[in-house]
Protein backbone atom coordinates (compact mmCIF):
# COMPACT_ATOMS: atom_id res chain seq x y z
CA MET A 1 21.98 2.38 -42.31
CA CYS A 2 19.09 1.42 -40.03
CA CYS A 3 19.34 -2.43 -40.41
CA THR A 4 21.83 -5.09 -40.84
CA LEU A 5 21.52 -8.56 -42.59
CA LYS A 6 21.95 -11.58 -40.29
CA LYS A 7 21.47 -15.02 -42.11
CA GLY A 8 19.23 -13.44 -44.73
CA THR A 9 16.90 -11.57 -42.49
CA ARG A 10 16.80 -7.91 -41.46
CA VAL A 11 17.51 -7.27 -37.75
CA ALA A 12 16.93 -3.78 -36.20
CA ARG A 13 19.78 -1.91 -34.78
CA ASP A 14 20.68 -2.52 -31.28
CA SER A 15 19.21 -0.17 -28.76
CA SER A 16 22.41 1.02 -27.34
CA LYS A 17 23.48 2.37 -30.79
CA ASP A 18 20.41 4.41 -31.00
CA LYS A 19 20.85 5.83 -27.46
CA ASN A 20 24.46 6.79 -28.34
CA GLU A 21 23.55 8.34 -31.58
CA GLY A 22 20.84 10.33 -29.74
CA ALA A 23 23.37 11.53 -27.04
CA MET A 24 25.66 12.72 -29.76
CA ASP A 25 22.97 14.51 -31.85
CA LYS A 26 21.86 16.23 -28.60
CA ALA A 27 25.46 17.43 -27.82
CA LYS A 28 25.94 18.54 -31.34
CA GLY A 29 22.74 20.35 -31.15
CA ARG A 30 23.68 22.23 -28.12
CA MET A 31 26.94 23.33 -29.58
CA LYS A 32 25.24 24.54 -32.74
CA GLU A 33 22.53 26.39 -30.69
CA ALA A 34 25.25 28.04 -28.47
CA ALA A 35 27.39 29.07 -31.46
CA GLY A 36 24.27 30.55 -33.20
CA ALA A 37 23.30 32.45 -30.00
CA LEU A 38 26.88 33.88 -29.73
CA SER A 39 27.27 34.86 -33.33
CA GLY A 40 23.55 36.15 -33.61
CA ASN A 41 22.80 33.49 -36.44
CA LYS A 42 19.01 32.52 -35.87
CA ASP A 43 19.43 29.94 -38.53
CA LYS A 44 22.36 28.01 -36.83
CA LYS A 45 20.40 28.26 -33.57
CA ALA A 46 17.29 26.81 -35.11
CA GLU A 47 19.31 24.06 -36.69
CA GLY A 48 20.81 23.27 -33.28
CA ARG A 49 17.28 23.01 -31.75
CA ALA A 50 16.51 20.43 -34.69
CA ASP A 51 19.37 18.40 -33.92
CA GLN A 52 18.56 18.28 -30.30
CA ARG A 53 15.04 17.15 -31.05
CA SER A 54 16.48 14.49 -33.53
CA GLY A 55 18.68 13.20 -30.66
CA THR A 56 15.87 13.13 -28.19
CA ALA A 57 13.84 10.90 -30.66
CA LYS A 58 16.84 8.55 -31.28
CA ASP A 59 17.29 8.27 -27.60
CA LYS A 60 13.62 7.49 -26.83
CA LYS A 61 13.65 4.89 -29.81
CA GLY A 62 16.64 3.05 -28.06
CA HIS A 63 14.55 3.09 -24.79
CA LEU A 64 11.54 1.69 -26.47
CA LYS A 65 13.62 -1.19 -28.12
CA ASP A 66 14.78 -1.97 -24.54
CA LEU A 67 11.26 -2.11 -23.33
CA LEU A 68 10.11 -4.52 -26.26
CA LYS A 69 13.12 -6.99 -25.73
């Protein structure tokens, strides 16, 4: 869930959570890409690259939240 309720208002997630999720997605993506490369499975390799891009986006979102504080 992207937001939590606090006194009846929606508050954006904290930036460190976005950064942590981004790091986990990037690590998961690297593992999938490596598994796909070793097994010759192009779909798994592509899925790993997509997870890495998703992780990078979440990481950048967390840094942006820090800048806007």
